[in-house]
Amino acid sequence: MIIEKITLPELFNIAQGEGERKAEHSSPQNLGDAVSAIGAIGAIWREKRLNVCTFPSAVVIDDSRRRSFLAWVATYLPQLRPFTAFCRVLSPQALDACARREAETDMPSLGLLEEACLGLVFGELATLTNGSLDFRNVSFAGCGATLSYAVMRTLALGEQAVNVREIATRWSHARVLMKNPGLPLDAEQVVLPWSVLLELRDLDPNSNHMSSHEYKDLRIACEEIFQSGKISLAQWRRLTNGWNTEGAVAILDKPREERVVTVRRLIESLAMQSTFDRTTRAFLAGYLVNQIGPGSFEHFPMLLPFHIQLPGVLMWYGLCAGLRRKGFLRNLSGSLGRRILREAVRRESFLDQPQCDVSLAELEVLTGSGIIRGDLRITNLAHVVIELSPCINTIVRLLPTEATEEARVSAPASSQRKLFDDEPLEMRRALSELWTVLNELDGIKERISKYVAPTEQKKTKRKG
């Protein structure tokens, strides 16, 4: 790694294909101090420059000067717009943090929490689409647009102090800058399940500003699901103050069609309870529905009529499904889960060329200058890939301009539903009831098959 002091005119000349070779400085152990020592702006190359015009891998500049630097780049280097699609702009502190993270983490990994992370991504996606989720039409872009994916990627890269609320703030700000509409999901509904999951990995509970005593019983319950697949009788009583203990714990002992009926009755009762808080009730509802098909995501429509009364219930459902570690979520919808995992644990260095269209910091400058439509070069005309922090991206839908919107309205409606659109509440309830009836029919079919199969076998033997 090579660090050099660089001036704005020198950077301009490099971008124009001109340049002058200068003395090279090998990188010391503390990169941030090195940049401070050599001047206000530092340029970093991964290896020795073979050509004086080789563009740097990163530019390091103090936070107080970053905005003015990006404004200068937007003005004088329009051919490199967005600049952060080609070169990262880091503060000395961020540079040190990235270098330390890469030194401590050989390969990105989620360990035993892969399925739990997927469950939270799918739970958030189901919430954002107001229950109209059809996994056959879901692409990676839809999953990569979730806040949960950004947290998942941060965790995989080896961050030991994952600040979920800070990631949520950046994620929400990116959507605001791109003028995306509000979502039917409060950030806190994502933060709490992730906070519980991060504690299971023995991360510092203070890193996400969640008290170690807050929702302690939820964390213990999730740990029991992770280890044994179910909540113990004693923990259930602590969570519910003894509410309907026997009926809830005995669900797994019942045939599938009876589980559906029992769980639905329990959830209706939970939604009306006032003896314990809504977060705990949402968690228990998600846990109970997952007991119908442990480790799967197929019964989430049962929760749709209750997601307003029990905020975050689909997030908890996804987490409970993932904690079972059955492998179902990896293979969901043609291995969509495996595709998400492939991207989440992809190896990437802060010195690699960015995989985004623009960084959040530069996007602030460009939108403030009115540059975001025709002058912004992006990979996909439907969405923008925004780097929230080094190597951590999110995907935000690019809303149409007035001209393209007029063309879209006059064109035939697309058969594929756009993500994050609203769905009437009555429609969600009807779909939920239909799903329940179908599950009950599956259970009846299984019971009938027990009696039909032996009869068919006897007929086959007689024919033989």
Protein backbone atom coordinates (compact mmCIF):
# COMPACT_ATOMS: atom_id res chain seq x y z
CA MET A 1 0.00 0.00 0.00
CA ILE A 2 1.33 3.41 -1.01
CA ILE A 3 0.30 6.76 0.48
CA GLU A 4 1.12 10.10 -1.13
CA LYS A 5 0.23 13.67 -0.39
CA ILE A 6 -1.81 15.06 -3.24
CA THR A 7 -3.17 18.48 -4.20
CA LEU A 8 -6.36 19.23 -6.09
CA PRO A 9 -4.51 20.30 -9.26
CA GLU A 10 -2.52 17.04 -9.16
CA LEU A 11 -5.72 15.01 -8.82
CA PHE A 12 -7.18 16.97 -11.72
CA ASN A 13 -4.15 16.13 -13.88
CA ILE A 14 -4.37 12.42 -13.03
CA ALA A 15 -8.05 12.40 -14.00
CA GLN A 16 -7.15 14.09 -17.31
CA GLY A 17 -4.57 11.41 -18.09
CA GLU A 18 -1.64 13.52 -17.09
CA GLY A 19 0.55 13.37 -14.03
CA GLU A 20 3.97 13.61 -12.54
CA ARG A 21 5.67 10.84 -10.59
CA LYS A 22 6.41 11.75 -7.01
CA ALA A 23 8.21 10.17 -4.11
CA GLU A 24 6.28 7.23 -2.71
CA HIS A 25 5.75 6.57 0.97
CA SER A 26 5.17 3.07 2.32
CA SER A 27 2.24 2.86 4.69
CA PRO A 28 3.04 2.77 8.43
CA GLN A 29 0.89 0.84 10.89
CA ASN A 30 -1.43 3.76 11.74
CA LEU A 31 -2.76 4.96 8.41
CA GLY A 32 -4.73 7.87 9.81
CA ASP A 33 -1.64 9.39 11.44
CA ALA A 34 0.27 8.90 8.21
CA VAL A 35 -2.27 10.91 6.25
CA SER A 36 -2.25 13.67 8.87
CA ALA A 37 1.53 13.78 8.70
CA ILE A 38 1.82 14.15 4.93
CA GLY A 39 -0.81 16.83 4.45
CA ALA A 40 -4.49 17.70 4.18
CA ILE A 41 -5.29 15.25 1.37
CA GLY A 42 -3.80 11.79 1.03
CA ALA A 43 -4.09 9.46 -1.93
CA ILE A 44 -3.73 5.69 -1.48
CA TRP A 45 -2.74 3.12 -4.07
CA ARG A 46 -2.93 -0.59 -3.36
CA GLU A 47 0.50 -1.20 -4.88
CA LYS A 48 3.34 0.62 -6.56
CA ARG A 49 2.14 2.85 -9.38
CA LEU A 50 3.20 1.51 -12.75
CA ASN A 51 1.82 4.58 -14.45
CA VAL A 52 1.83 8.18 -13.23
CA CYS A 53 -1.81 8.45 -14.33
CA THR A 54 -3.01 5.46 -12.28
CA PHE A 55 -6.08 6.59 -10.38
CA PRO A 56 -5.88 6.19 -6.58
CA SER A 57 -7.86 3.51 -4.74
CA ALA A 58 -8.94 5.97 -2.07
CA VAL A 59 -8.66 9.59 -1.08
CA VAL A 60 -8.33 10.43 2.60
CA ILE A 61 -9.47 13.78 3.87
CA ASP A 62 -10.70 15.11 7.18
CA ASP A 63 -14.48 15.06 7.72
CA SER A 64 -14.58 18.85 8.02
CA ARG A 65 -13.26 19.22 4.44
CA ARG A 66 -14.95 16.24 2.78
CA ARG A 67 -18.07 18.06 1.63
CA SER A 68 -16.11 20.90 0.00
CA PHE A 69 -13.81 18.35 -1.65
CA LEU A 70 -16.76 16.45 -3.15
CA ALA A 71 -18.27 19.72 -4.34
CA TRP A 72 -14.97 20.58 -6.04
CA VAL A 73 -14.91 17.14 -7.71
CA ALA A 74 -18.50 17.55 -8.96
CA THR A 75 -17.57 20.92 -10.47
CA TYR A 76 -14.16 20.26 -12.02
CA LEU A 77 -14.26 16.52 -12.72
CA PRO A 78 -17.73 16.00 -14.26
CA GLN A 79 -16.36 13.09 -16.32
CA LEU A 80 -15.88 11.23 -13.02
CA ARG A 81 -19.36 11.77 -11.69
CA PRO A 82 -20.13 10.23 -9.31
CA PHE A 83 -16.52 10.30 -8.09
CA THR A 84 -17.15 7.71 -5.34
CA ALA A 85 -18.15 5.11 -7.92
CA PHE A 86 -14.45 4.96 -8.79
CA CYS A 87 -12.62 6.01 -5.64
CA ARG A 88 -13.60 5.97 -1.97
CA VAL A 89 -13.35 9.17 0.06
CA LEU A 90 -12.49 8.32 3.67
CA SER A 91 -11.71 10.18 6.85
CA PRO A 92 -8.49 9.22 8.69
CA GLN A 93 -10.62 7.55 11.38
CA ALA A 94 -12.60 5.52 8.84
CA LEU A 95 -9.36 4.51 7.13
CA ASP A 96 -7.91 3.17 10.37
CA ALA A 97 -11.15 1.33 11.15
CA CYS A 98 -11.22 -0.33 7.71
CA ALA A 99 -7.57 -1.36 7.91
CA ARG A 100 -8.06 -2.80 11.40
CA ARG A 101 -11.20 -4.69 10.35
CA GLU A 102 -9.47 -6.30 7.40
CA ALA A 103 -6.46 -7.24 9.53
CA GLU A 104 -8.70 -8.98 12.08
CA THR A 105 -11.08 -10.68 9.61
CA ASP A 106 -9.65 -13.09 7.07
CA MET A 107 -12.95 -13.85 5.30
CA PRO A 108 -16.40 -12.32 5.82
CA SER A 109 -18.65 -14.74 7.69
CA LEU A 110 -21.93 -14.92 9.55
CA GLY A 111 -21.11 -18.19 11.27
CA LEU A 112 -24.15 -19.98 12.69
CA LEU A 113 -26.33 -16.89 12.29
CA GLU A 114 -26.74 -17.12 8.51
CA GLU A 115 -30.33 -18.37 8.61
CA ALA A 116 -31.31 -15.96 11.38
CA CYS A 117 -30.04 -13.04 9.28
CA LEU A 118 -31.97 -14.31 6.26
CA GLY A 119 -35.10 -14.60 8.38
CA LEU A 120 -34.84 -10.93 9.35
CA VAL A 121 -34.31 -9.89 5.72
CA PHE A 122 -37.40 -11.86 4.62
CA GLY A 123 -39.42 -10.60 7.61
CA GLU A 124 -38.62 -7.01 6.75
CA LEU A 125 -39.40 -7.57 3.09
CA ALA A 126 -42.80 -9.07 3.98
CA THR A 127 -43.53 -6.03 6.16
CA LEU A 128 -42.40 -3.49 3.56
CA THR A 129 -44.63 -5.05 0.90
CA ASN A 130 -47.62 -5.05 3.26
CA GLY A 131 -47.92 -8.80 2.95
CA SER A 132 -48.25 -8.90 -0.84
CA LEU A 133 -44.91 -10.68 -1.03
CA ASP A 134 -44.60 -13.34 -3.72
CA PHE A 135 -41.16 -14.89 -3.48
CA ARG A 136 -41.37 -16.06 -7.09
CA ASN A 137 -41.09 -12.40 -8.15
CA VAL A 138 -38.48 -11.29 -5.62
CA SER A 139 -34.99 -10.48 -6.90
CA PHE A 140 -31.82 -9.82 -4.96
CA ALA A 141 -32.38 -6.10 -5.54
CA GLY A 142 -35.53 -6.24 -3.44
CA CYS A 143 -33.68 -7.95 -0.59
CA GLY A 144 -30.65 -5.68 -0.93
CA ALA A 145 -32.95 -2.69 -0.45
CA THR A 146 -33.79 -3.69 3.13
CA LEU A 147 -32.20 -2.24 6.23
CA SER A 148 -31.66 -5.80 7.46
CA TYR A 149 -29.40 -6.59 4.53
CA ALA A 150 -27.19 -3.59 5.35
CA VAL A 151 -26.91 -4.78 8.97
CA MET A 152 -26.26 -8.33 7.77
CA ARG A 153 -23.43 -7.17 5.52
CA THR A 154 -21.91 -5.12 8.35
CA LEU A 155 -21.99 -8.14 10.62
CA ALA A 156 -20.42 -10.39 7.97
CA LEU A 157 -17.51 -8.00 7.43
CA GLY A 158 -16.45 -8.51 11.04
CA GLU A 159 -17.58 -5.31 12.74
CA GLN A 160 -17.49 -6.04 16.45
CA ALA A 161 -19.51 -2.95 17.44
CA VAL A 162 -22.47 -3.07 15.07
CA ASN A 163 -24.50 0.09 15.70
CA VAL A 164 -27.88 -0.83 14.24
CA ARG A 165 -29.42 2.57 14.87
CA GLU A 166 -26.59 4.37 13.11
CA ILE A 167 -26.99 2.07 10.10
CA ALA A 168 -30.75 2.71 10.20
CA THR A 169 -30.17 6.47 10.21
CA ARG A 170 -27.92 6.26 7.14
CA TRP A 171 -30.30 3.89 5.37
CA SER A 172 -33.29 6.16 6.00
CA HIS A 173 -31.31 9.24 4.91
CA ALA A 174 -30.45 7.57 1.59
CA ARG A 175 -34.14 6.98 0.90
CA VAL A 176 -34.99 10.58 1.80
CA LEU A 177 -32.30 11.95 -0.54
CA MET A 178 -33.72 9.85 -3.38
CA LYS A 179 -37.22 11.14 -2.52
CA ASN A 180 -38.57 7.65 -1.87
CA PRO A 181 -41.94 7.54 -0.05
CA GLY A 182 -42.31 6.56 3.59
CA LEU A 183 -42.55 2.87 4.45
CA PRO A 184 -45.02 0.91 6.60
CA LEU A 185 -42.22 0.01 8.98
CA ASP A 186 -40.70 1.90 11.86
CA ALA A 187 -36.93 1.56 12.17
CA GLU A 188 -37.36 0.43 15.78
CA GLN A 189 -39.20 -2.67 14.53
CA VAL A 190 -35.98 -3.65 12.77
CA VAL A 191 -33.57 -2.49 15.46
CA LEU A 192 -34.99 -4.58 18.32
CA PRO A 193 -34.84 -8.04 16.66
CA TRP A 194 -31.34 -7.27 15.38
CA SER A 195 -30.27 -6.12 18.84
CA VAL A 196 -31.39 -9.43 20.30
CA LEU A 197 -29.62 -11.39 17.56
CA LEU A 198 -26.38 -9.45 18.00
CA GLU A 199 -26.36 -10.30 21.69
CA LEU A 200 -26.51 -13.98 20.75
CA ARG A 201 -23.16 -13.47 19.03
CA ASP A 202 -21.69 -12.05 22.24
CA LEU A 203 -21.33 -8.57 20.76
CA ASP A 204 -21.21 -5.57 23.04
CA PRO A 205 -24.86 -4.79 23.86
CA ASN A 206 -23.96 -1.12 24.32
CA SER A 207 -22.85 -0.88 20.70
CA ASN A 208 -26.46 -0.69 19.55
CA HIS A 209 -27.59 1.45 22.50
CA MET A 210 -29.76 -1.32 23.90
CA SER A 211 -29.61 -1.88 27.65
CA SER A 212 -28.48 -5.38 28.56
CA HIS A 213 -31.50 -5.57 30.92
CA GLU A 214 -34.04 -4.40 28.35
CA TYR A 215 -35.92 -7.33 26.80
CA LYS A 216 -33.57 -9.73 28.56
CA ASP A 217 -36.26 -12.43 28.57
CA LEU A 218 -36.60 -12.14 24.78
CA ARG A 219 -32.87 -12.69 24.38
CA ILE A 220 -33.01 -15.78 26.63
CA ALA A 221 -36.01 -17.13 24.68
CA CYS A 222 -34.17 -16.65 21.36
CA GLU A 223 -31.14 -18.40 22.79
CA GLU A 224 -33.32 -21.37 23.75
CA ILE A 225 -34.80 -21.51 20.23
CA PHE A 226 -31.28 -21.37 18.80
CA GLN A 227 -30.07 -24.22 21.01
CA SER A 228 -33.10 -26.51 21.32
CA GLY A 229 -35.68 -25.28 18.80
CA LYS A 230 -38.28 -24.20 21.35
CA ILE A 231 -38.92 -21.98 24.37
CA SER A 232 -38.83 -23.75 27.72
CA LEU A 233 -41.92 -23.86 29.92
CA ALA A 234 -40.23 -21.72 32.59
CA GLN A 235 -39.19 -19.04 30.09
CA TRP A 236 -42.64 -18.97 28.53
CA ARG A 237 -44.13 -18.27 31.94
CA ARG A 238 -41.66 -15.45 32.55
CA LEU A 239 -42.51 -13.87 29.21
CA THR A 240 -46.30 -14.13 29.56
CA ASN A 241 -46.89 -14.05 33.31
CA GLY A 242 -48.38 -17.51 32.94
CA TRP A 243 -50.76 -16.68 30.07
CA ASN A 244 -52.11 -19.82 28.29
CA THR A 245 -48.94 -21.75 29.06
CA GLU A 246 -50.11 -25.32 28.60
CA GLY A 247 -51.90 -24.75 25.28
CA ALA A 248 -48.99 -22.89 23.69
CA VAL A 249 -46.23 -25.28 24.75
CA ALA A 250 -48.12 -28.36 23.51
CA ILE A 251 -48.50 -27.10 19.92
CA LEU A 252 -45.75 -29.29 18.45
CA ASP A 253 -47.47 -32.42 19.77
CA LYS A 254 -50.56 -31.77 17.65
CA PRO A 255 -51.21 -32.73 14.00
CA ARG A 256 -50.52 -29.97 11.53
CA GLU A 257 -54.13 -28.99 10.83
CA GLU A 258 -54.83 -28.70 14.55
CA ARG A 259 -51.74 -26.53 14.99
CA VAL A 260 -53.11 -24.02 12.48
CA VAL A 261 -56.44 -23.71 14.29
CA THR A 262 -54.82 -23.55 17.73
CA VAL A 263 -52.22 -20.99 16.72
CA ARG A 264 -54.77 -18.75 15.07
CA ARG A 265 -56.87 -18.76 18.23
CA LEU A 266 -53.81 -17.99 20.38
CA ILE A 267 -52.72 -15.08 18.15
CA GLU A 268 -56.19 -13.54 18.26
CA SER A 269 -56.02 -13.72 22.03
CA LEU A 270 -52.47 -12.30 22.06
CA ALA A 271 -53.51 -9.31 19.98
CA MET A 272 -56.09 -8.39 22.62
CA GLN A 273 -53.84 -8.96 25.65
CA SER A 274 -52.78 -6.05 27.82
CA THR A 275 -50.98 -7.88 30.63
CA PHE A 276 -47.59 -7.63 28.86
CA ASP A 277 -46.02 -5.28 26.27
CA ARG A 278 -46.65 -5.30 22.51
CA THR A 279 -43.07 -6.19 21.63
CA THR A 280 -43.26 -9.39 23.66
CA ARG A 281 -46.67 -10.20 22.19
CA ALA A 282 -45.34 -9.67 18.65
CA PHE A 283 -42.40 -11.98 19.40
CA LEU A 284 -44.68 -14.70 20.81
CA ALA A 285 -47.04 -14.47 17.84
CA GLY A 286 -44.13 -14.90 15.43
CA TYR A 287 -42.81 -17.83 17.47
CA LEU A 288 -46.20 -19.57 17.62
CA VAL A 289 -46.84 -19.33 13.86
CA ASN A 290 -43.37 -20.70 13.15
CA GLN A 291 -44.22 -23.72 15.30
CA ILE A 292 -46.66 -24.80 12.57
CA GLY A 293 -43.76 -25.35 10.15
CA PRO A 294 -40.59 -24.95 12.22
CA GLY A 295 -37.79 -23.22 10.34
CA SER A 296 -39.86 -22.33 7.28
CA PHE A 297 -41.31 -19.04 6.06
CA GLU A 298 -44.44 -20.42 4.43
CA HIS A 299 -47.01 -19.44 7.07
CA PHE A 300 -46.27 -15.71 7.32
CA PRO A 301 -49.67 -14.75 5.74
CA MET A 302 -51.34 -15.88 8.98
CA LEU A 303 -49.77 -12.86 10.70
CA LEU A 304 -50.85 -10.24 8.17
CA PRO A 305 -54.16 -9.32 9.83
CA PHE A 306 -52.27 -8.62 13.07
CA HIS A 307 -49.18 -6.72 11.94
CA ILE A 308 -50.75 -3.36 12.87
CA GLN A 309 -51.82 -4.51 16.34
CA LEU A 310 -48.48 -6.29 16.82
CA PRO A 311 -45.82 -4.10 15.15
CA GLY A 312 -42.76 -6.00 13.99
CA VAL A 313 -44.46 -9.39 14.20
CA LEU A 314 -43.15 -10.49 10.78
CA MET A 315 -39.59 -9.59 11.82
CA TRP A 316 -39.87 -11.79 14.90
CA TYR A 317 -41.41 -14.57 12.78
CA GLY A 318 -38.43 -14.46 10.43
CA LEU A 319 -35.96 -14.44 13.32
CA CYS A 320 -37.62 -17.45 14.97
CA ALA A 321 -37.58 -19.31 11.64
CA GLY A 322 -33.88 -18.59 11.14
CA LEU A 323 -32.88 -19.55 14.68
CA ARG A 324 -34.14 -23.08 13.99
CA ARG A 325 -31.31 -23.52 11.44
CA LYS A 326 -33.27 -25.99 9.31
CA GLY A 327 -31.81 -24.77 6.01
CA PHE A 328 -35.21 -23.88 4.56
CA LEU A 329 -34.48 -20.16 4.24
CA ARG A 330 -31.33 -20.73 2.18
CA ASN A 331 -33.29 -22.63 -0.43
CA LEU A 332 -36.38 -20.43 -0.43
CA SER A 333 -37.63 -19.52 -3.92
CA GLY A 334 -34.93 -21.14 -6.04
CA SER A 335 -32.15 -20.55 -3.51
CA LEU A 336 -32.80 -16.83 -3.15
CA GLY A 337 -31.38 -17.13 0.35
CA ARG A 338 -28.11 -18.52 -0.99
CA ARG A 339 -27.83 -15.61 -3.40
CA ILE A 340 -28.27 -13.14 -0.54
CA LEU A 341 -25.64 -14.97 1.51
CA ARG A 342 -23.24 -14.96 -1.44
CA GLU A 343 -23.41 -11.18 -1.61
CA ALA A 344 -23.41 -10.64 2.15
CA VAL A 345 -20.19 -12.60 2.70
CA ARG A 346 -18.48 -11.45 -0.49
CA ARG A 347 -14.86 -10.52 0.17
CA GLU A 348 -14.14 -6.87 -0.54
CA SER A 349 -11.34 -4.56 0.52
CA PHE A 350 -11.72 -0.84 1.06
CA LEU A 351 -8.94 -0.52 -1.55
CA ASP A 352 -10.99 -2.36 -4.18
CA GLN A 353 -12.95 -0.29 -6.66
CA PRO A 354 -16.38 0.46 -5.13
CA GLN A 355 -19.35 -1.67 -6.17
CA CYS A 356 -21.77 1.24 -5.78
CA ASP A 357 -23.14 3.99 -7.99
CA VAL A 358 -22.45 6.69 -5.41
CA SER A 359 -21.59 7.05 -1.72
CA LEU A 360 -24.06 8.55 0.73
CA ALA A 361 -21.71 11.50 1.41
CA GLU A 362 -21.43 12.38 -2.29
CA LEU A 363 -25.14 11.87 -2.83
CA GLU A 364 -25.79 14.58 -0.23
CA VAL A 365 -23.60 16.98 -2.21
CA LEU A 366 -25.08 16.07 -5.60
CA THR A 367 -28.71 16.31 -4.50
CA GLY A 368 -27.96 19.62 -2.80
CA SER A 369 -26.57 20.89 -6.11
CA GLY A 370 -29.55 19.61 -8.09
CA ILE A 371 -27.45 16.95 -9.84
CA ILE A 372 -29.21 13.61 -9.61
CA ARG A 373 -31.02 12.83 -12.84
CA GLY A 374 -29.42 13.11 -16.27
CA ASP A 375 -25.93 13.92 -14.98
CA LEU A 376 -25.73 10.92 -12.64
CA ARG A 377 -24.30 7.79 -14.31
CA ILE A 378 -25.82 4.68 -12.73
CA THR A 379 -25.68 0.97 -13.50
CA ASN A 380 -29.43 0.31 -13.49
CA LEU A 381 -32.07 2.83 -14.54
CA ALA A 382 -34.53 1.38 -12.01
CA HIS A 383 -32.46 1.84 -8.85
CA VAL A 384 -29.32 3.36 -7.36
CA VAL A 385 -26.72 1.42 -5.35
CA ILE A 386 -25.59 3.67 -2.50
CA GLU A 387 -22.58 2.98 -0.27
CA LEU A 388 -23.63 3.75 3.32
CA SER A 389 -20.13 3.10 4.66
CA PRO A 390 -17.07 1.39 3.15
CA CYS A 391 -18.08 -1.90 1.47
CA ILE A 392 -21.67 -1.70 2.81
CA ASN A 393 -24.27 -0.85 0.16
CA THR A 394 -28.02 -0.45 -0.02
CA ILE A 395 -30.30 -0.31 -3.05
CA VAL A 396 -32.79 2.55 -3.42
CA ARG A 397 -35.43 2.77 -6.11
CA LEU A 398 -34.92 5.57 -8.61
CA LEU A 399 -38.28 7.25 -8.92
CA PRO A 400 -39.27 8.32 -12.43
CA THR A 401 -39.07 11.90 -13.59
CA GLU A 402 -42.22 13.63 -14.77
CA ALA A 403 -41.57 12.59 -18.38
CA THR A 404 -40.95 8.94 -17.62
CA GLU A 405 -43.88 8.87 -15.20
CA GLU A 406 -46.21 10.16 -17.93
CA ALA A 407 -44.96 7.43 -20.25
CA ARG A 408 -45.40 4.81 -17.55
CA VAL A 409 -49.00 5.83 -16.84
CA SER A 410 -49.92 5.68 -20.53
CA ALA A 411 -48.26 2.27 -20.95
CA PRO A 412 -49.99 -1.04 -20.04
CA ALA A 413 -49.66 -1.94 -16.37
CA SER A 414 -46.80 -4.28 -15.52
CA SER A 415 -47.71 -7.77 -14.37
CA GLN A 416 -45.10 -7.68 -11.63
CA ARG A 417 -45.97 -5.73 -8.53
CA LYS A 418 -43.45 -3.08 -7.49
CA LEU A 419 -41.87 -3.57 -4.12
CA PHE A 420 -43.06 -1.51 -1.16
CA ASP A 421 -46.42 -0.52 -2.67
CA ASP A 422 -49.53 -0.44 -0.46
CA GLU A 423 -52.12 -3.24 -0.36
CA PRO A 424 -55.68 -2.77 0.98
CA LEU A 425 -56.13 -4.19 4.47
CA GLU A 426 -59.20 -6.23 3.49
CA MET A 427 -57.21 -7.89 0.69
CA ARG A 428 -54.47 -8.88 3.17
CA ARG A 429 -57.05 -10.35 5.53
CA ALA A 430 -58.71 -12.31 2.72
CA LEU A 431 -55.34 -13.72 1.61
CA SER A 432 -54.53 -14.68 5.18
CA GLU A 433 -57.84 -16.51 5.59
CA LEU A 434 -57.31 -18.28 2.27
CA TRP A 435 -53.84 -19.38 3.36
CA THR A 436 -55.24 -20.75 6.63
CA VAL A 437 -57.92 -22.76 4.79
CA LEU A 438 -55.31 -24.20 2.41
CA ASN A 439 -53.15 -25.30 5.33
CA GLU A 440 -56.14 -26.94 6.98
CA LEU A 441 -56.92 -28.77 3.73
CA ASP A 442 -53.31 -30.02 3.59
CA GLY A 443 -53.70 -31.42 7.07
CA ILE A 444 -56.99 -33.15 6.21
CA LYS A 445 -55.36 -34.61 3.11
CA GLU A 446 -52.55 -36.07 5.22
CA ARG A 447 -55.06 -37.69 7.59
CA ILE A 448 -57.04 -39.19 4.73
CA SER A 449 -53.88 -40.52 3.07
CA LYS A 450 -53.18 -42.65 6.15
CA TYR A 451 -56.34 -44.67 5.43
CA VAL A 452 -56.27 -44.54 1.64
CA ALA A 453 -52.68 -45.72 1.20
CA PRO A 454 -53.09 -49.17 2.87
CA THR A 455 -56.19 -49.89 0.74
CA GLU A 456 -54.31 -49.07 -2.47
CA GLN A 457 -51.41 -51.32 -1.41
CA LYS A 458 -53.80 -54.26 -0.88
CA LYS A 459 -55.29 -53.75 -4.37
CA THR A 460 -51.81 -53.75 -5.87
CA LYS A 461 -50.92 -57.03 -4.17
CA ARG A 462 -54.12 -58.71 -5.41
CA LYS A 463 -53.40 -57.64 -8.98
CA GLY A 464 -49.86 -59.09 -8.66
